[in-house]
Amino acid sequence: MTLRLDGRVAVITGAGAGLGRQHALLLAKQGAKIVVNDLGGSVNGVGGDHAAADKVVAEIKAMGGEAVPNYDSVTSAEGGANIIKTAVDAFGKVDILVANAGILRDKSFAKVELSDFEAVFNVHYWGTVHTARAAWKLMNEQQYGRMIFTTSVAGTSGNFGQTAYGSAKEGMLGLMRVLAIEGRKNNVLINAISPGALTRMTDNLGMDDDFMKKLDPGLVSPAVAWLASERCDVTANVITAAAGGFGRVHYFETRGVQFDYTKPVTVEMFDEAFARIADLTTADPTTAGTEGKMQERLDTLGK
């Protein structure tokens, strides 16, 4: 199992600047052939310009790599299909999808418009769905694929003023977890990166300048390159990456309590037991599937 990506074909959305550009450059250095997708719009999703994607393609070619541009929007099924079609037309297949395209429409919940929610979800959530869906059959048929979604601490932990962005970013993790179950048998692995990086999307968030200077987007890309490689043997993992530091985010469930389900359970019983229900010292990582700790708790009855 190699870290190199020679012979692999990677599609990277939103690759004209920031994190996407760094991902594209590193994956190309690792040997992958790259589809550089970028609509060329503004941070809030307005407008379009081919220059961003073209510039990154030129950078990859200048260092001896292979790349082609794509200017389709991820916000439609047609756009997602065209992005993947670009990879197949140019290189014959698609092995890697890095769903990185994003916009911001930051406002507090009291002020955010439903149109802002729609715009953010169209890029972050539906953009991930459209591109993943277009690549899904191809990856499963060839019994190899790596998808890397881009989530955020705004989704996993929350952040003031990012109701649309945070909920879209958390929503794609639900997609990741289900696809991870469905794709595992065909070696199609789905993971997510939760990056911290100084880009045009984070430049005006009001964070401390000295702190932001540590967030070189290039320090995130090694995790993406590993998740895109054959060496990656995990699925449904969320990897945090910022300032050269890496970690993993995962849901946990406490041991909780188990009442006798053949007898009435009252709100007073729940109230009395809540400290034990919420006791994180008994928490274990959740596992794939819907059962959770249900059977484990039921097994305690009668003991």
C-alpha atoms as a PDB file:
ATOM      1  CA  MET A   1       0.000   0.000   0.000  1.00  0.00           C
ATOM      2  CA  THR A   2       1.581   3.200  -1.202  1.00  0.00           C
ATOM      3  CA  LEU A   3       1.420   6.832  -0.207  1.00  0.00           C
ATOM      4  CA  ARG A   4       2.108   7.768  -3.811  1.00  0.00           C
ATOM      5  CA  LEU A   5      -0.798   8.567  -6.127  1.00  0.00           C
ATOM      6  CA  ASP A   6       0.808   7.634  -9.431  1.00  0.00           C
ATOM      7  CA  GLY A   7      -1.841   6.646 -11.954  1.00  0.00           C
ATOM      8  CA  ARG A   8      -4.666   7.960  -9.779  1.00  0.00           C
ATOM      9  CA  VAL A   9      -7.119  10.601 -10.991  1.00  0.00           C
ATOM     10  CA  ALA A  10      -8.297  13.191  -8.483  1.00  0.00           C
ATOM     11  CA  VAL A  11     -11.153  15.677  -8.741  1.00  0.00           C
ATOM     12  CA  ILE A  12     -10.860  18.634  -6.378  1.00  0.00           C
ATOM     13  CA  THR A  13     -13.713  21.118  -6.185  1.00  0.00           C
ATOM     14  CA  GLY A  14     -13.053  24.717  -5.267  1.00  0.00           C
ATOM     15  CA  ALA A  15      -9.416  24.182  -6.184  1.00  0.00           C
ATOM     16  CA  GLY A  16      -8.681  27.630  -7.609  1.00  0.00           C
ATOM     17  CA  ALA A  17      -7.424  29.125  -4.343  1.00  0.00           C
ATOM     18  CA  GLY A  18      -6.842  28.515  -0.650  1.00  0.00           C
ATOM     19  CA  LEU A  19      -7.177  24.978   0.645  1.00  0.00           C
ATOM     20  CA  GLY A  20      -8.294  23.520  -2.671  1.00  0.00           C
ATOM     21  CA  ARG A  21      -5.260  24.893  -4.483  1.00  0.00           C
ATOM     22  CA  GLN A  22      -2.915  23.447  -1.856  1.00  0.00           C
ATOM     23  CA  HIS A  23      -4.661  20.067  -2.059  1.00  0.00           C
ATOM     24  CA  ALA A  24      -4.350  20.077  -5.850  1.00  0.00           C
ATOM     25  CA  LEU A  25      -0.652  20.967  -5.800  1.00  0.00           C
ATOM     26  CA  LEU A  26       0.237  18.320  -3.206  1.00  0.00           C
ATOM     27  CA  LEU A  27      -1.809  15.541  -4.809  1.00  0.00           C
ATOM     28  CA  ALA A  28      -0.148  16.388  -8.134  1.00  0.00           C
ATOM     29  CA  LYS A  29       3.282  16.185  -6.484  1.00  0.00           C
ATOM     30  CA  GLN A  30       2.260  12.763  -5.189  1.00  0.00           C
ATOM     31  CA  GLY A  31       1.637  11.692  -8.785  1.00  0.00           C
ATOM     32  CA  ALA A  32      -2.104  12.154  -9.260  1.00  0.00           C
ATOM     33  CA  LYS A  33      -3.693  13.579 -12.385  1.00  0.00           C
ATOM     34  CA  ILE A  34      -5.881  16.474 -11.297  1.00  0.00           C
ATOM     35  CA  VAL A  35      -9.185  17.990 -12.328  1.00  0.00           C
ATOM     36  CA  VAL A  36      -9.081  21.535 -10.957  1.00  0.00           C
ATOM     37  CA  ASN A  37     -12.694  22.574 -10.508  1.00  0.00           C
ATOM     38  CA  ASP A  38     -13.468  26.171  -9.669  1.00  0.00           C
ATOM     39  CA  LEU A  39     -16.367  28.378 -10.642  1.00  0.00           C
ATOM     40  CA  GLY A  40     -14.258  31.441  -9.888  1.00  0.00           C
ATOM     41  CA  GLY A  41     -16.949  33.147  -7.827  1.00  0.00           C
ATOM     42  CA  SER A  42     -16.665  35.404  -4.800  1.00  0.00           C
ATOM     43  CA  VAL A  43     -16.615  34.209  -1.201  1.00  0.00           C
ATOM     44  CA  ASN A  44     -20.391  34.667  -0.977  1.00  0.00           C
ATOM     45  CA  GLY A  45     -20.947  32.667  -4.162  1.00  0.00           C
ATOM     46  CA  VAL A  46     -21.527  35.468  -6.655  1.00  0.00           C
ATOM     47  CA  GLY A  47     -19.974  35.683 -10.124  1.00  0.00           C
ATOM     48  CA  GLY A  48     -17.548  33.469 -11.984  1.00  0.00           C
ATOM     49  CA  ASP A  49     -14.141  33.593 -13.656  1.00  0.00           C
ATOM     50  CA  HIS A  50     -12.048  30.904 -15.366  1.00  0.00           C
ATOM     51  CA  ALA A  51      -8.762  32.474 -14.284  1.00  0.00           C
ATOM     52  CA  ALA A  52      -8.573  30.783 -10.869  1.00  0.00           C
ATOM     53  CA  ALA A  53      -8.789  27.209 -12.167  1.00  0.00           C
ATOM     54  CA  ASP A  54      -6.570  27.972 -15.162  1.00  0.00           C
ATOM     55  CA  LYS A  55      -3.827  29.374 -12.933  1.00  0.00           C
ATOM     56  CA  VAL A  56      -3.675  26.240 -10.755  1.00  0.00           C
ATOM     57  CA  VAL A  57      -3.651  23.997 -13.833  1.00  0.00           C
ATOM     58  CA  ALA A  58      -0.709  26.020 -15.142  1.00  0.00           C
ATOM     59  CA  GLU A  59       1.101  25.645 -11.814  1.00  0.00           C
ATOM     60  CA  ILE A  60       0.674  21.861 -11.873  1.00  0.00           C
ATOM     61  CA  LYS A  61       1.860  21.595 -15.471  1.00  0.00           C
ATOM     62  CA  ALA A  62       4.862  23.814 -14.714  1.00  0.00           C
ATOM     63  CA  MET A  63       6.041  21.317 -12.096  1.00  0.00           C
ATOM     64  CA  GLY A  64       5.638  18.421 -14.516  1.00  0.00           C
ATOM     65  CA  GLY A  65       2.185  17.238 -13.488  1.00  0.00           C
ATOM     66  CA  GLU A  66      -1.005  16.596 -15.429  1.00  0.00           C
ATOM     67  CA  ALA A  67      -4.148  18.664 -14.873  1.00  0.00           C
ATOM     68  CA  VAL A  68      -7.222  19.979 -16.626  1.00  0.00           C
ATOM     69  CA  PRO A  69      -9.617  22.740 -15.548  1.00  0.00           C
ATOM     70  CA  ASN A  70     -13.346  22.539 -14.987  1.00  0.00           C
ATOM     71  CA  TYR A  71     -15.587  25.552 -14.402  1.00  0.00           C
ATOM     72  CA  ASP A  72     -18.926  23.900 -13.581  1.00  0.00           C
ATOM     73  CA  SER A  73     -20.879  24.766 -10.454  1.00  0.00           C
ATOM     74  CA  VAL A  74     -21.300  22.014  -7.874  1.00  0.00           C
ATOM     75  CA  THR A  75     -24.769  23.324  -7.033  1.00  0.00           C
ATOM     76  CA  SER A  76     -26.623  21.224  -9.617  1.00  0.00           C
ATOM     77  CA  ALA A  77     -26.721  17.549 -10.502  1.00  0.00           C
ATOM     78  CA  GLU A  78     -25.736  18.501 -14.043  1.00  0.00           C
ATOM     79  CA  GLY A  79     -22.739  20.443 -12.781  1.00  0.00           C
ATOM     80  CA  GLY A  80     -21.626  17.584 -10.558  1.00  0.00           C
ATOM     81  CA  ALA A  81     -21.934  15.137 -13.434  1.00  0.00           C
ATOM     82  CA  ASN A  82     -19.942  17.412 -15.747  1.00  0.00           C
ATOM     83  CA  ILE A  83     -17.151  17.745 -13.191  1.00  0.00           C
ATOM     84  CA  ILE A  84     -16.734  13.977 -12.961  1.00  0.00           C
ATOM     85  CA  LYS A  85     -17.171  13.640 -16.740  1.00  0.00           C
ATOM     86  CA  THR A  86     -14.213  15.992 -17.184  1.00  0.00           C
ATOM     87  CA  ALA A  87     -12.044  13.501 -15.279  1.00  0.00           C
ATOM     88  CA  VAL A  88     -13.273  10.525 -17.302  1.00  0.00           C
ATOM     89  CA  ASP A  89     -12.927  12.350 -20.637  1.00  0.00           C
ATOM     90  CA  ALA A  90      -9.414  13.579 -19.847  1.00  0.00           C
ATOM     91  CA  PHE A  91      -7.952  10.652 -17.909  1.00  0.00           C
ATOM     92  CA  GLY A  92     -10.334   7.705 -18.320  1.00  0.00           C
ATOM     93  CA  LYS A  93     -11.523   7.346 -14.716  1.00  0.00           C
ATOM     94  CA  VAL A  94     -11.869   8.951 -11.303  1.00  0.00           C
ATOM     95  CA  ASP A  95     -10.244   7.540  -8.148  1.00  0.00           C
ATOM     96  CA  ILE A  96     -10.336  10.442  -5.702  1.00  0.00           C
ATOM     97  CA  LEU A  97     -12.878  13.145  -4.933  1.00  0.00           C
ATOM     98  CA  VAL A  98     -11.996  16.025  -2.631  1.00  0.00           C
ATOM     99  CA  ALA A  99     -15.238  17.953  -2.044  1.00  0.00           C
ATOM    100  CA  ASN A 100     -13.814  21.298  -1.029  1.00  0.00           C
ATOM    101  CA  ALA A 101     -15.939  23.983  -2.731  1.00  0.00           C
ATOM    102  CA  GLY A 102     -17.472  26.458  -0.319  1.00  0.00           C
ATOM    103  CA  ILE A 103     -19.030  29.863   0.256  1.00  0.00           C
ATOM    104  CA  LEU A 104     -19.979  31.899   3.312  1.00  0.00           C
ATOM    105  CA  ARG A 105     -23.161  33.801   4.177  1.00  0.00           C
ATOM    106  CA  ASP A 106     -22.471  34.459   7.854  1.00  0.00           C
ATOM    107  CA  LYS A 107     -25.269  36.056   9.901  1.00  0.00           C
ATOM    108  CA  SER A 108     -26.819  35.367  13.278  1.00  0.00           C
ATOM    109  CA  PHE A 109     -29.949  33.234  13.197  1.00  0.00           C
ATOM    110  CA  ALA A 110     -32.064  36.315  13.930  1.00  0.00           C
ATOM    111  CA  LYS A 111     -30.787  37.983  10.759  1.00  0.00           C
ATOM    112  CA  VAL A 112     -29.991  35.191   8.308  1.00  0.00           C
ATOM    113  CA  GLU A 113     -32.345  34.861   5.339  1.00  0.00           C
ATOM    114  CA  LEU A 114     -33.652  31.548   4.065  1.00  0.00           C
ATOM    115  CA  SER A 115     -32.028  32.438   0.747  1.00  0.00           C
ATOM    116  CA  ASP A 116     -28.674  32.440   2.567  1.00  0.00           C
ATOM    117  CA  PHE A 117     -29.378  28.960   3.926  1.00  0.00           C
ATOM    118  CA  GLU A 118     -30.290  27.780   0.445  1.00  0.00           C
ATOM    119  CA  ALA A 119     -27.154  29.235  -1.138  1.00  0.00           C
ATOM    120  CA  VAL A 120     -24.829  27.742   1.491  1.00  0.00           C
ATOM    121  CA  PHE A 121     -26.491  24.325   1.416  1.00  0.00           C
ATOM    122  CA  ASN A 122     -26.434  24.299  -2.395  1.00  0.00           C
ATOM    123  CA  VAL A 123     -22.641  24.581  -2.383  1.00  0.00           C
ATOM    124  CA  HIS A 124     -21.545  22.733   0.752  1.00  0.00           C
ATOM    125  CA  TYR A 125     -24.128  19.986   1.201  1.00  0.00           C
ATOM    126  CA  TRP A 126     -25.692  19.551  -2.235  1.00  0.00           C
ATOM    127  CA  GLY A 127     -22.370  20.236  -3.952  1.00  0.00           C
ATOM    128  CA  THR A 128     -20.929  17.290  -2.046  1.00  0.00           C
ATOM    129  CA  VAL A 129     -23.954  15.135  -2.875  1.00  0.00           C
ATOM    130  CA  HIS A 130     -23.891  15.992  -6.594  1.00  0.00           C
ATOM    131  CA  THR A 131     -20.201  15.253  -7.106  1.00  0.00           C
ATOM    132  CA  ALA A 132     -20.184  12.159  -4.871  1.00  0.00           C
ATOM    133  CA  ARG A 133     -23.237  10.769  -6.626  1.00  0.00           C
ATOM    134  CA  ALA A 134     -21.666  11.297 -10.053  1.00  0.00           C
ATOM    135  CA  ALA A 135     -18.494   9.448  -8.976  1.00  0.00           C
ATOM    136  CA  TRP A 136     -20.186   6.766  -6.876  1.00  0.00           C
ATOM    137  CA  LYS A 137     -21.033   4.183  -9.533  1.00  0.00           C
ATOM    138  CA  LEU A 138     -17.646   4.547 -11.216  1.00  0.00           C
ATOM    139  CA  MET A 139     -15.699   4.047  -7.998  1.00  0.00           C
ATOM    140  CA  ASN A 140     -17.785   1.062  -6.917  1.00  0.00           C
ATOM    141  CA  GLU A 141     -17.486  -0.608 -10.312  1.00  0.00           C
ATOM    142  CA  GLN A 142     -13.693  -0.313 -10.290  1.00  0.00           C
ATOM    143  CA  GLN A 143     -13.692  -1.346  -6.588  1.00  0.00           C
ATOM    144  CA  TYR A 144     -11.530   1.551  -5.555  1.00  0.00           C
ATOM    145  CA  GLY A 145     -12.266   5.072  -4.451  1.00  0.00           C
ATOM    146  CA  ARG A 146     -11.363   7.686  -1.896  1.00  0.00           C
ATOM    147  CA  MET A 147     -13.705  10.572  -1.052  1.00  0.00           C
ATOM    148  CA  ILE A 148     -12.695  13.371   1.277  1.00  0.00           C
ATOM    149  CA  PHE A 149     -15.447  15.744   2.383  1.00  0.00           C
ATOM    150  CA  THR A 150     -14.694  19.123   3.968  1.00  0.00           C
ATOM    151  CA  THR A 151     -16.478  19.769   7.245  1.00  0.00           C
ATOM    152  CA  SER A 152     -15.856  22.435   9.890  1.00  0.00           C
ATOM    153  CA  VAL A 153     -15.736  23.070  13.621  1.00  0.00           C
ATOM    154  CA  ALA A 154     -18.725  25.324  12.912  1.00  0.00           C
ATOM    155  CA  GLY A 155     -20.657  22.089  12.412  1.00  0.00           C
ATOM    156  CA  THR A 156     -19.021  19.767  14.922  1.00  0.00           C
ATOM    157  CA  SER A 157     -18.709  22.352  17.721  1.00  0.00           C
ATOM    158  CA  GLY A 158     -20.723  25.399  16.618  1.00  0.00           C
ATOM    159  CA  ASN A 159     -19.768  29.023  15.979  1.00  0.00           C
ATOM    160  CA  PHE A 160     -21.745  32.226  16.404  1.00  0.00           C
ATOM    161  CA  GLY A 161     -23.201  33.576  13.183  1.00  0.00           C
ATOM    162  CA  GLN A 162     -22.728  30.402  11.159  1.00  0.00           C
ATOM    163  CA  THR A 163     -26.094  28.667  11.403  1.00  0.00           C
ATOM    164  CA  ALA A 164     -26.303  27.968   7.672  1.00  0.00           C
ATOM    165  CA  TYR A 165     -22.647  27.038   7.247  1.00  0.00           C
ATOM    166  CA  GLY A 166     -22.458  24.932  10.412  1.00  0.00           C
ATOM    167  CA  SER A 167     -25.602  22.936   9.725  1.00  0.00           C
ATOM    168  CA  ALA A 168     -24.533  22.259   6.128  1.00  0.00           C
ATOM    169  CA  LYS A 169     -21.118  21.095   7.331  1.00  0.00           C
ATOM    170  CA  GLU A 170     -22.654  18.761   9.914  1.00  0.00           C
ATOM    171  CA  GLY A 171     -25.175  17.494   7.382  1.00  0.00           C
ATOM    172  CA  MET A 172     -22.448  16.256   5.080  1.00  0.00           C
ATOM    173  CA  LEU A 173     -21.077  14.139   7.942  1.00  0.00           C
ATOM    174  CA  GLY A 174     -24.350  12.212   8.005  1.00  0.00           C
ATOM    175  CA  LEU A 175     -23.856  11.615   4.281  1.00  0.00           C
ATOM    176  CA  MET A 176     -20.277  10.501   4.931  1.00  0.00           C
ATOM    177  CA  ARG A 177     -21.252   7.980   7.600  1.00  0.00           C
ATOM    178  CA  VAL A 178     -23.906   6.303   5.460  1.00  0.00           C
ATOM    179  CA  LEU A 179     -21.740   6.215   2.336  1.00  0.00           C
ATOM    180  CA  ALA A 180     -18.921   4.751   4.422  1.00  0.00           C
ATOM    181  CA  ILE A 181     -21.138   1.773   5.263  1.00  0.00           C
ATOM    182  CA  GLU A 182     -22.356   1.378   1.675  1.00  0.00           C
ATOM    183  CA  GLY A 183     -18.944   1.759   0.021  1.00  0.00           C
ATOM    184  CA  ARG A 184     -16.693  -0.262   2.326  1.00  0.00           C
ATOM    185  CA  LYS A 185     -17.308  -3.602   0.585  1.00  0.00           C
ATOM    186  CA  ASN A 186     -15.953  -2.156  -2.673  1.00  0.00           C
ATOM    187  CA  ASN A 187     -12.966  -0.365  -1.106  1.00  0.00           C
ATOM    188  CA  VAL A 188     -14.627   3.026  -1.534  1.00  0.00           C
ATOM    189  CA  LEU A 189     -13.667   4.874   1.641  1.00  0.00           C
ATOM    190  CA  ILE A 190     -15.303   8.120   2.724  1.00  0.00           C
ATOM    191  CA  ASN A 191     -13.659  10.424   5.255  1.00  0.00           C
ATOM    192  CA  ALA A 192     -13.744  14.106   6.133  1.00  0.00           C
ATOM    193  CA  ILE A 193     -11.250  16.837   6.888  1.00  0.00           C
ATOM    194  CA  SER A 194     -12.043  19.611   9.360  1.00  0.00           C
ATOM    195  CA  PRO A 195      -9.476  22.280   8.472  1.00  0.00           C
ATOM    196  CA  GLY A 196      -8.259  25.469  10.067  1.00  0.00           C
ATOM    197  CA  ALA A 197      -6.621  27.710   7.478  1.00  0.00           C
ATOM    198  CA  LEU A 198      -6.068  31.336   6.585  1.00  0.00           C
ATOM    199  CA  THR A 199      -7.940  31.731   3.301  1.00  0.00           C
ATOM    200  CA  ARG A 200     -10.207  34.346   1.789  1.00  0.00           C
ATOM    201  CA  MET A 201     -13.132  32.590   3.534  1.00  0.00           C
ATOM    202  CA  THR A 202     -11.580  33.015   6.986  1.00  0.00           C
ATOM    203  CA  ASP A 203      -9.776  36.315   6.445  1.00  0.00           C
ATOM    204  CA  ASN A 204     -12.613  38.442   7.853  1.00  0.00           C
ATOM    205  CA  LEU A 205     -13.804  36.312  10.760  1.00  0.00           C
ATOM    206  CA  GLY A 206     -12.291  38.680  13.317  1.00  0.00           C
ATOM    207  CA  MET A 207      -9.850  36.185  14.803  1.00  0.00           C
ATOM    208  CA  ASP A 208      -6.499  37.195  16.315  1.00  0.00           C
ATOM    209  CA  ASP A 209      -3.982  38.069  13.582  1.00  0.00           C
ATOM    210  CA  ASP A 210      -1.058  36.317  15.287  1.00  0.00           C
ATOM    211  CA  PHE A 211      -3.122  33.155  15.575  1.00  0.00           C
ATOM    212  CA  MET A 212      -4.320  33.307  11.979  1.00  0.00           C
ATOM    213  CA  LYS A 213      -0.739  33.618  10.694  1.00  0.00           C
ATOM    214  CA  LYS A 214      -0.092  30.082  11.949  1.00  0.00           C
ATOM    215  CA  LEU A 215      -2.869  28.672   9.748  1.00  0.00           C
ATOM    216  CA  ASP A 216      -1.038  28.065   6.489  1.00  0.00           C
ATOM    217  CA  PRO A 217      -3.511  26.118   4.300  1.00  0.00           C
ATOM    218  CA  GLY A 218      -0.624  24.006   3.009  1.00  0.00           C
ATOM    219  CA  LEU A 219      -0.314  22.471   6.477  1.00  0.00           C
ATOM    220  CA  VAL A 220      -3.754  20.861   6.062  1.00  0.00           C
ATOM    221  CA  SER A 221      -3.086  19.113   2.751  1.00  0.00           C
ATOM    222  CA  PRO A 222      -0.853  16.244   4.008  1.00  0.00           C
ATOM    223  CA  ALA A 223      -3.885  14.775   5.785  1.00  0.00           C
ATOM    224  CA  VAL A 224      -5.928  15.033   2.583  1.00  0.00           C
ATOM    225  CA  ALA A 225      -3.152  13.365   0.580  1.00  0.00           C
ATOM    226  CA  TRP A 226      -3.028  10.476   3.084  1.00  0.00           C
ATOM    227  CA  LEU A 227      -6.797  10.045   3.039  1.00  0.00           C
ATOM    228  CA  ALA A 228      -6.606   9.972  -0.771  1.00  0.00           C
ATOM    229  CA  SER A 229      -3.976   7.236  -0.833  1.00  0.00           C
ATOM    230  CA  GLU A 230      -3.987   3.438  -0.745  1.00  0.00           C
ATOM    231  CA  ARG A 231      -2.424   3.657   2.719  1.00  0.00           C
ATOM    232  CA  CYS A 232      -5.724   4.991   4.000  1.00  0.00           C
ATOM    233  CA  ASP A 233      -7.654   2.017   5.372  1.00  0.00           C
ATOM    234  CA  VAL A 234     -10.197   3.890   7.504  1.00  0.00           C
ATOM    235  CA  THR A 235     -13.645   5.149   6.650  1.00  0.00           C
ATOM    236  CA  ALA A 236     -16.097   7.570   8.339  1.00  0.00           C
ATOM    237  CA  ASN A 237     -13.228   9.356  10.121  1.00  0.00           C
ATOM    238  CA  VAL A 238     -13.260  13.119  10.720  1.00  0.00           C
ATOM    239  CA  ILE A 239      -9.708  14.468  10.855  1.00  0.00           C
ATOM    240  CA  THR A 240      -8.965  17.920  12.245  1.00  0.00           C
ATOM    241  CA  ALA A 241      -6.033  19.744  10.678  1.00  0.00           C
ATOM    242  CA  ALA A 242      -4.664  23.182  11.512  1.00  0.00           C
ATOM    243  CA  ALA A 243      -1.237  24.781  11.960  1.00  0.00           C
ATOM    244  CA  GLY A 244       0.482  21.426  11.485  1.00  0.00           C
ATOM    245  CA  GLY A 245      -1.598  19.731  14.180  1.00  0.00           C
ATOM    246  CA  PHE A 246      -3.965  16.837  13.531  1.00  0.00           C
ATOM    247  CA  GLY A 247      -6.629  15.014  15.526  1.00  0.00           C
ATOM    248  CA  ARG A 248      -9.820  13.022  15.169  1.00  0.00           C
ATOM    249  CA  VAL A 249     -13.401  13.976  16.014  1.00  0.00           C
ATOM    250  CA  HIS A 250     -15.885  11.215  16.835  1.00  0.00           C
ATOM    251  CA  TYR A 251     -19.276  10.799  18.470  1.00  0.00           C
ATOM    252  CA  PHE A 252     -19.347   9.029  21.829  1.00  0.00           C
ATOM    253  CA  GLU A 253     -22.226   7.517  23.787  1.00  0.00           C
ATOM    254  CA  THR A 254     -22.375   7.082  27.539  1.00  0.00           C
ATOM    255  CA  ARG A 255     -23.206   3.828  29.282  1.00  0.00           C
ATOM    256  CA  GLY A 256     -26.413   5.497  30.403  1.00  0.00           C
ATOM    257  CA  VAL A 257     -29.152   3.614  32.229  1.00  0.00           C
ATOM    258  CA  GLN A 258     -31.575   0.846  31.350  1.00  0.00           C
ATOM    259  CA  PHE A 259     -35.062   0.706  32.853  1.00  0.00           C
ATOM    260  CA  ASP A 260     -37.293  -2.335  32.620  1.00  0.00           C
ATOM    261  CA  TYR A 261     -39.141  -1.783  29.328  1.00  0.00           C
ATOM    262  CA  THR A 262     -42.023  -4.022  30.465  1.00  0.00           C
ATOM    263  CA  LYS A 263     -42.921  -1.506  33.170  1.00  0.00           C
ATOM    264  CA  PRO A 264     -43.814   2.208  33.061  1.00  0.00           C
ATOM    265  CA  VAL A 265     -40.919   4.643  32.736  1.00  0.00           C
ATOM    266  CA  THR A 266     -41.669   8.077  34.186  1.00  0.00           C
ATOM    267  CA  VAL A 267     -40.185  11.525  33.754  1.00  0.00           C
ATOM    268  CA  GLU A 268     -39.242  11.409  37.441  1.00  0.00           C
ATOM    269  CA  MET A 269     -37.207   8.270  36.806  1.00  0.00           C
ATOM    270  CA  PHE A 270     -35.402   9.980  33.945  1.00  0.00           C
ATOM    271  CA  ASP A 271     -34.781  13.040  36.115  1.00  0.00           C
ATOM    272  CA  GLU A 272     -33.287  10.977  38.918  1.00  0.00           C
ATOM    273  CA  ALA A 273     -31.017   9.120  36.486  1.00  0.00           C
ATOM    274  CA  PHE A 274     -29.917  12.050  34.371  1.00  0.00           C
ATOM    275  CA  ALA A 275     -26.508  12.458  36.030  1.00  0.00           C
ATOM    276  CA  ARG A 276     -25.689   8.856  35.093  1.00  0.00           C
ATOM    277  CA  ILE A 277     -27.116   9.277  31.593  1.00  0.00           C
ATOM    278  CA  ALA A 278     -24.900  12.315  30.971  1.00  0.00           C
ATOM    279  CA  ASP A 279     -21.771  10.968  32.686  1.00  0.00           C
ATOM    280  CA  LEU A 280     -19.050  11.253  30.019  1.00  0.00           C
ATOM    281  CA  THR A 281     -16.606   9.196  32.070  1.00  0.00           C
ATOM    282  CA  THR A 282     -18.556   6.131  30.890  1.00  0.00           C
ATOM    283  CA  ALA A 283     -18.546   7.138  27.204  1.00  0.00           C
ATOM    284  CA  ASP A 284     -17.235   4.919  24.406  1.00  0.00           C
ATOM    285  CA  PRO A 285     -16.896   5.643  20.681  1.00  0.00           C
ATOM    286  CA  THR A 286     -20.032   5.030  18.660  1.00  0.00           C
ATOM    287  CA  THR A 287     -19.938   2.322  16.015  1.00  0.00           C
ATOM    288  CA  ALA A 288     -21.427   2.172  12.524  1.00  0.00           C
ATOM    289  CA  GLY A 289     -25.092   1.303  12.349  1.00  0.00           C
ATOM    290  CA  THR A 290     -28.255   2.196  14.232  1.00  0.00           C
ATOM    291  CA  GLU A 291     -28.094  -0.034  17.299  1.00  0.00           C
ATOM    292  CA  GLY A 292     -25.738   2.058  19.410  1.00  0.00           C
ATOM    293  CA  LYS A 293     -25.662   0.859  23.011  1.00  0.00           C
ATOM    294  CA  MET A 294     -29.255  -0.368  22.962  1.00  0.00           C
ATOM    295  CA  GLN A 295     -28.485  -4.101  23.059  1.00  0.00           C
ATOM    296  CA  GLU A 296     -25.680  -3.593  25.568  1.00  0.00           C
ATOM    297  CA  ARG A 297     -28.107  -1.829  27.910  1.00  0.00           C
ATOM    298  CA  LEU A 298     -30.833  -4.433  27.407  1.00  0.00           C
ATOM    299  CA  ASP A 299     -28.320  -7.144  28.284  1.00  0.00           C
ATOM    300  CA  THR A 300     -27.968  -5.613  31.770  1.00  0.00           C
ATOM    301  CA  LEU A 301     -31.564  -6.417  32.625  1.00  0.00           C
ATOM    302  CA  GLY A 302     -31.829  -9.343  35.008  1.00  0.00           C
ATOM    303  CA  LYS A 303     -28.167  -9.201  35.997  1.00  0.00           C
END
